[in-house]
Amino acid sequence: MSENPVIGRIANASLVLEHFGYWPNFHDAEVKKVAFEANPGYYPTVTFVLAAFQSSASTDAQGYFRQVKHCEIELRFTGIKEIDFDGFSHQNVIFNLKFDEQGIDLICTLESSVGLDACVKAEAAEIVSLTPTLLI
């Protein structure tokens, strides 16, 4: 799997790379929380908290792919120049999370399976934290 060169612009991307062994597309991850911050005199900031995991090739007794490497990831965008944010609901499941560049800015598109659709154009992005989690 070839890595998107834009990922190298995300501060602390190594936390995700070390946890999963690659940069995932976050298929079926869930957006658990979104926090917007105003920065008087500067562009605003938005932080997403994602519940993510890796699907393994093996299946359980019901035929579902087993999920491993569960974690919670805090992803922050600073210097937001544009944001489209629609459909946030009680459940927000990601189909795909894509990163691109537009000039000096990063573009992050969150394609939805259920709930939130979002697109952020920002000066910078960072992985604030990655916390392994256990299913209950």
C-alpha atoms as a PDB file:
ATOM      1  CA  MET A   1       0.000   0.000   0.000  1.00  0.00           C
ATOM      2  CA  SER A   2       1.572   3.318  -1.037  1.00  0.00           C
ATOM      3  CA  GLU A   3       1.400   6.108   1.468  1.00  0.00           C
ATOM      4  CA  ASN A   4      -0.163   9.453   0.568  1.00  0.00           C
ATOM      5  CA  PRO A   5       2.681  12.049   0.762  1.00  0.00           C
ATOM      6  CA  VAL A   6       0.294  14.528   2.433  1.00  0.00           C
ATOM      7  CA  ILE A   7       0.311  12.313   5.552  1.00  0.00           C
ATOM      8  CA  GLY A   8       3.911  13.478   6.120  1.00  0.00           C
ATOM      9  CA  ARG A   9       2.539  16.987   6.719  1.00  0.00           C
ATOM     10  CA  ILE A  10       0.358  15.831   9.640  1.00  0.00           C
ATOM     11  CA  ALA A  11       2.196  16.453  12.906  1.00  0.00           C
ATOM     12  CA  ASN A  12       2.540  13.268  14.983  1.00  0.00           C
ATOM     13  CA  ALA A  13       1.234  11.081  12.117  1.00  0.00           C
ATOM     14  CA  SER A  14       3.799   8.581  13.397  1.00  0.00           C
ATOM     15  CA  LEU A  15       1.415   7.751  16.284  1.00  0.00           C
ATOM     16  CA  VAL A  16      -1.095   6.331  13.778  1.00  0.00           C
ATOM     17  CA  LEU A  17       1.594   4.712  11.629  1.00  0.00           C
ATOM     18  CA  GLU A  18       3.128   2.973  14.664  1.00  0.00           C
ATOM     19  CA  HIS A  19      -0.249   1.767  15.957  1.00  0.00           C
ATOM     20  CA  PHE A  20      -1.579   0.353  12.678  1.00  0.00           C
ATOM     21  CA  GLY A  21       1.655  -0.172  10.731  1.00  0.00           C
ATOM     22  CA  TYR A  22       0.308   2.002   7.897  1.00  0.00           C
ATOM     23  CA  TRP A  23      -2.025   5.000   7.414  1.00  0.00           C
ATOM     24  CA  PRO A  24      -5.605   3.626   7.309  1.00  0.00           C
ATOM     25  CA  ASN A  25      -8.572   4.995   5.360  1.00  0.00           C
ATOM     26  CA  PHE A  26     -10.591   4.848   8.601  1.00  0.00           C
ATOM     27  CA  HIS A  27     -13.412   2.852   6.967  1.00  0.00           C
ATOM     28  CA  ASP A  28     -16.125   2.207   9.599  1.00  0.00           C
ATOM     29  CA  ALA A  29     -14.394   4.395  12.202  1.00  0.00           C
ATOM     30  CA  GLU A  30     -16.807   6.595  14.119  1.00  0.00           C
ATOM     31  CA  VAL A  31     -16.631  10.315  14.846  1.00  0.00           C
ATOM     32  CA  LYS A  32     -17.430  10.458  18.574  1.00  0.00           C
ATOM     33  CA  LYS A  33     -16.864  14.158  19.201  1.00  0.00           C
ATOM     34  CA  VAL A  34     -16.197  17.401  17.331  1.00  0.00           C
ATOM     35  CA  ALA A  35     -15.030  20.610  19.038  1.00  0.00           C
ATOM     36  CA  PHE A  36     -14.809  23.986  17.314  1.00  0.00           C
ATOM     37  CA  GLU A  37     -12.632  26.745  18.789  1.00  0.00           C
ATOM     38  CA  ALA A  38     -12.653  30.426  17.885  1.00  0.00           C
ATOM     39  CA  ASN A  39      -9.272  32.106  17.867  1.00  0.00           C
ATOM     40  CA  PRO A  40      -9.870  35.883  17.861  1.00  0.00           C
ATOM     41  CA  GLY A  41      -7.644  37.488  15.244  1.00  0.00           C
ATOM     42  CA  TYR A  42      -6.720  34.097  13.742  1.00  0.00           C
ATOM     43  CA  TYR A  43      -8.354  31.289  11.812  1.00  0.00           C
ATOM     44  CA  PRO A  44     -10.448  28.860  13.929  1.00  0.00           C
ATOM     45  CA  THR A  45      -9.553  25.318  15.006  1.00  0.00           C
ATOM     46  CA  VAL A  46     -11.564  22.081  14.911  1.00  0.00           C
ATOM     47  CA  THR A  47     -10.804  18.801  16.669  1.00  0.00           C
ATOM     48  CA  PHE A  48     -12.313  15.418  15.787  1.00  0.00           C
ATOM     49  CA  VAL A  49     -12.246  12.414  18.121  1.00  0.00           C
ATOM     50  CA  LEU A  50     -12.382   9.168  16.153  1.00  0.00           C
ATOM     51  CA  ALA A  51     -13.017   5.651  17.440  1.00  0.00           C
ATOM     52  CA  ALA A  52     -10.953   3.586  14.986  1.00  0.00           C
ATOM     53  CA  PHE A  53      -9.848  -0.013  14.495  1.00  0.00           C
ATOM     54  CA  GLN A  54      -8.370  -2.377  11.957  1.00  0.00           C
ATOM     55  CA  SER A  55     -10.431  -5.125  10.332  1.00  0.00           C
ATOM     56  CA  SER A  56      -8.565  -8.404  10.157  1.00  0.00           C
ATOM     57  CA  ALA A  57      -8.868 -11.004   7.397  1.00  0.00           C
ATOM     58  CA  SER A  58     -10.354 -13.566   9.797  1.00  0.00           C
ATOM     59  CA  THR A  59     -14.047 -13.796  10.657  1.00  0.00           C
ATOM     60  CA  ASP A  60     -15.934 -14.625  13.823  1.00  0.00           C
ATOM     61  CA  ALA A  61     -18.642 -17.306  14.245  1.00  0.00           C
ATOM     62  CA  GLN A  62     -21.276 -14.990  12.705  1.00  0.00           C
ATOM     63  CA  GLY A  63     -19.096 -14.314   9.640  1.00  0.00           C
ATOM     64  CA  TYR A  64     -18.140 -10.741  10.601  1.00  0.00           C
ATOM     65  CA  PHE A  65     -14.556  -9.586  10.109  1.00  0.00           C
ATOM     66  CA  ARG A  66     -12.742  -9.428  13.432  1.00  0.00           C
ATOM     67  CA  GLN A  67     -11.720  -5.962  14.598  1.00  0.00           C
ATOM     68  CA  VAL A  68      -8.315  -5.391  16.185  1.00  0.00           C
ATOM     69  CA  LYS A  69      -6.136  -2.449  17.270  1.00  0.00           C
ATOM     70  CA  HIS A  70      -9.047  -0.411  18.631  1.00  0.00           C
ATOM     71  CA  CYS A  71      -8.093   3.134  19.568  1.00  0.00           C
ATOM     72  CA  GLU A  72      -9.325   6.664  20.032  1.00  0.00           C
ATOM     73  CA  ILE A  73      -7.607   9.302  17.908  1.00  0.00           C
ATOM     74  CA  GLU A  74      -7.767  13.044  18.483  1.00  0.00           C
ATOM     75  CA  LEU A  75      -7.198  14.849  15.158  1.00  0.00           C
ATOM     76  CA  ARG A  76      -6.895  18.659  15.221  1.00  0.00           C
ATOM     77  CA  PHE A  77      -6.946  21.110  12.324  1.00  0.00           C
ATOM     78  CA  THR A  78      -5.577  24.614  12.851  1.00  0.00           C
ATOM     79  CA  GLY A  79      -5.801  27.652  10.638  1.00  0.00           C
ATOM     80  CA  ILE A  80      -9.150  26.637   9.141  1.00  0.00           C
ATOM     81  CA  LYS A  81      -9.859  28.591   5.975  1.00  0.00           C
ATOM     82  CA  GLU A  82     -12.981  26.684   4.891  1.00  0.00           C
ATOM     83  CA  ILE A  83     -15.162  24.010   6.436  1.00  0.00           C
ATOM     84  CA  ASP A  84     -18.235  22.130   5.239  1.00  0.00           C
ATOM     85  CA  PHE A  85     -19.952  20.308   8.065  1.00  0.00           C
ATOM     86  CA  ASP A  86     -23.270  18.519   7.579  1.00  0.00           C
ATOM     87  CA  GLY A  87     -25.294  15.694   9.030  1.00  0.00           C
ATOM     88  CA  PHE A  88     -23.730  15.294  12.504  1.00  0.00           C
ATOM     89  CA  SER A  89     -26.006  12.873  14.341  1.00  0.00           C
ATOM     90  CA  HIS A  90     -26.165  10.286  17.126  1.00  0.00           C
ATOM     91  CA  GLN A  91     -23.975   8.025  14.959  1.00  0.00           C
ATOM     92  CA  ASN A  92     -21.290   9.254  12.531  1.00  0.00           C
ATOM     93  CA  VAL A  93     -19.595   6.413  10.663  1.00  0.00           C
ATOM     94  CA  ILE A  94     -16.801   7.156   8.196  1.00  0.00           C
ATOM     95  CA  PHE A  95     -16.692   5.545   4.768  1.00  0.00           C
ATOM     96  CA  ASN A  96     -13.306   7.105   3.946  1.00  0.00           C
ATOM     97  CA  LEU A  97     -11.033   9.838   5.334  1.00  0.00           C
ATOM     98  CA  LYS A  98      -8.899  11.426   2.587  1.00  0.00           C
ATOM     99  CA  PHE A  99      -6.089  13.987   2.714  1.00  0.00           C
ATOM    100  CA  ASP A 100      -5.036  16.189  -0.210  1.00  0.00           C
ATOM    101  CA  GLU A 101      -3.120  19.432  -0.707  1.00  0.00           C
ATOM    102  CA  GLN A 102      -4.258  22.691  -2.240  1.00  0.00           C
ATOM    103  CA  GLY A 103      -1.281  25.020  -2.465  1.00  0.00           C
ATOM    104  CA  ILE A 104       0.074  25.331   1.070  1.00  0.00           C
ATOM    105  CA  ASP A 105      -3.176  24.118   2.652  1.00  0.00           C
ATOM    106  CA  LEU A 106      -4.327  20.628   3.630  1.00  0.00           C
ATOM    107  CA  ILE A 107      -7.727  19.364   2.548  1.00  0.00           C
ATOM    108  CA  CYS A 108      -9.348  16.635   4.637  1.00  0.00           C
ATOM    109  CA  THR A 109     -12.528  15.047   3.298  1.00  0.00           C
ATOM    110  CA  LEU A 110     -14.562  12.884   5.618  1.00  0.00           C
ATOM    111  CA  GLU A 111     -16.886  10.785   3.469  1.00  0.00           C
ATOM    112  CA  SER A 112     -19.790   9.419   5.453  1.00  0.00           C
ATOM    113  CA  SER A 113     -21.460   6.033   5.626  1.00  0.00           C
ATOM    114  CA  VAL A 114     -23.866   7.367   8.268  1.00  0.00           C
ATOM    115  CA  GLY A 115     -24.162  10.874   9.736  1.00  0.00           C
ATOM    116  CA  LEU A 116     -21.407  13.454   9.406  1.00  0.00           C
ATOM    117  CA  ASP A 117     -20.039  14.576   6.040  1.00  0.00           C
ATOM    118  CA  ALA A 118     -17.232  17.117   6.380  1.00  0.00           C
ATOM    119  CA  CYS A 119     -14.480  18.801   4.432  1.00  0.00           C
ATOM    120  CA  VAL A 120     -11.814  20.938   6.105  1.00  0.00           C
ATOM    121  CA  LYS A 121      -9.313  23.247   4.395  1.00  0.00           C
ATOM    122  CA  ALA A 122      -6.664  24.178   6.945  1.00  0.00           C
ATOM    123  CA  GLU A 123      -3.092  25.377   7.299  1.00  0.00           C
ATOM    124  CA  ALA A 124      -2.092  22.391   9.428  1.00  0.00           C
ATOM    125  CA  ALA A 125      -3.235  19.132  11.006  1.00  0.00           C
ATOM    126  CA  GLU A 126      -1.938  17.124  13.925  1.00  0.00           C
ATOM    127  CA  ILE A 127      -2.618  13.911  15.759  1.00  0.00           C
ATOM    128  CA  VAL A 128      -3.015  15.235  19.295  1.00  0.00           C
ATOM    129  CA  SER A 129      -3.279  11.756  20.802  1.00  0.00           C
ATOM    130  CA  LEU A 130      -3.876   8.083  20.086  1.00  0.00           C
ATOM    131  CA  THR A 131      -5.141   5.998  22.964  1.00  0.00           C
ATOM    132  CA  PRO A 132      -5.562   2.217  22.585  1.00  0.00           C
ATOM    133  CA  THR A 133      -9.007   1.114  23.794  1.00  0.00           C
ATOM    134  CA  LEU A 134     -10.655  -2.166  24.704  1.00  0.00           C
ATOM    135  CA  LEU A 135     -14.131  -3.246  23.650  1.00  0.00           C
ATOM    136  CA  ILE A 136     -16.555  -3.909  26.469  1.00  0.00           C
END
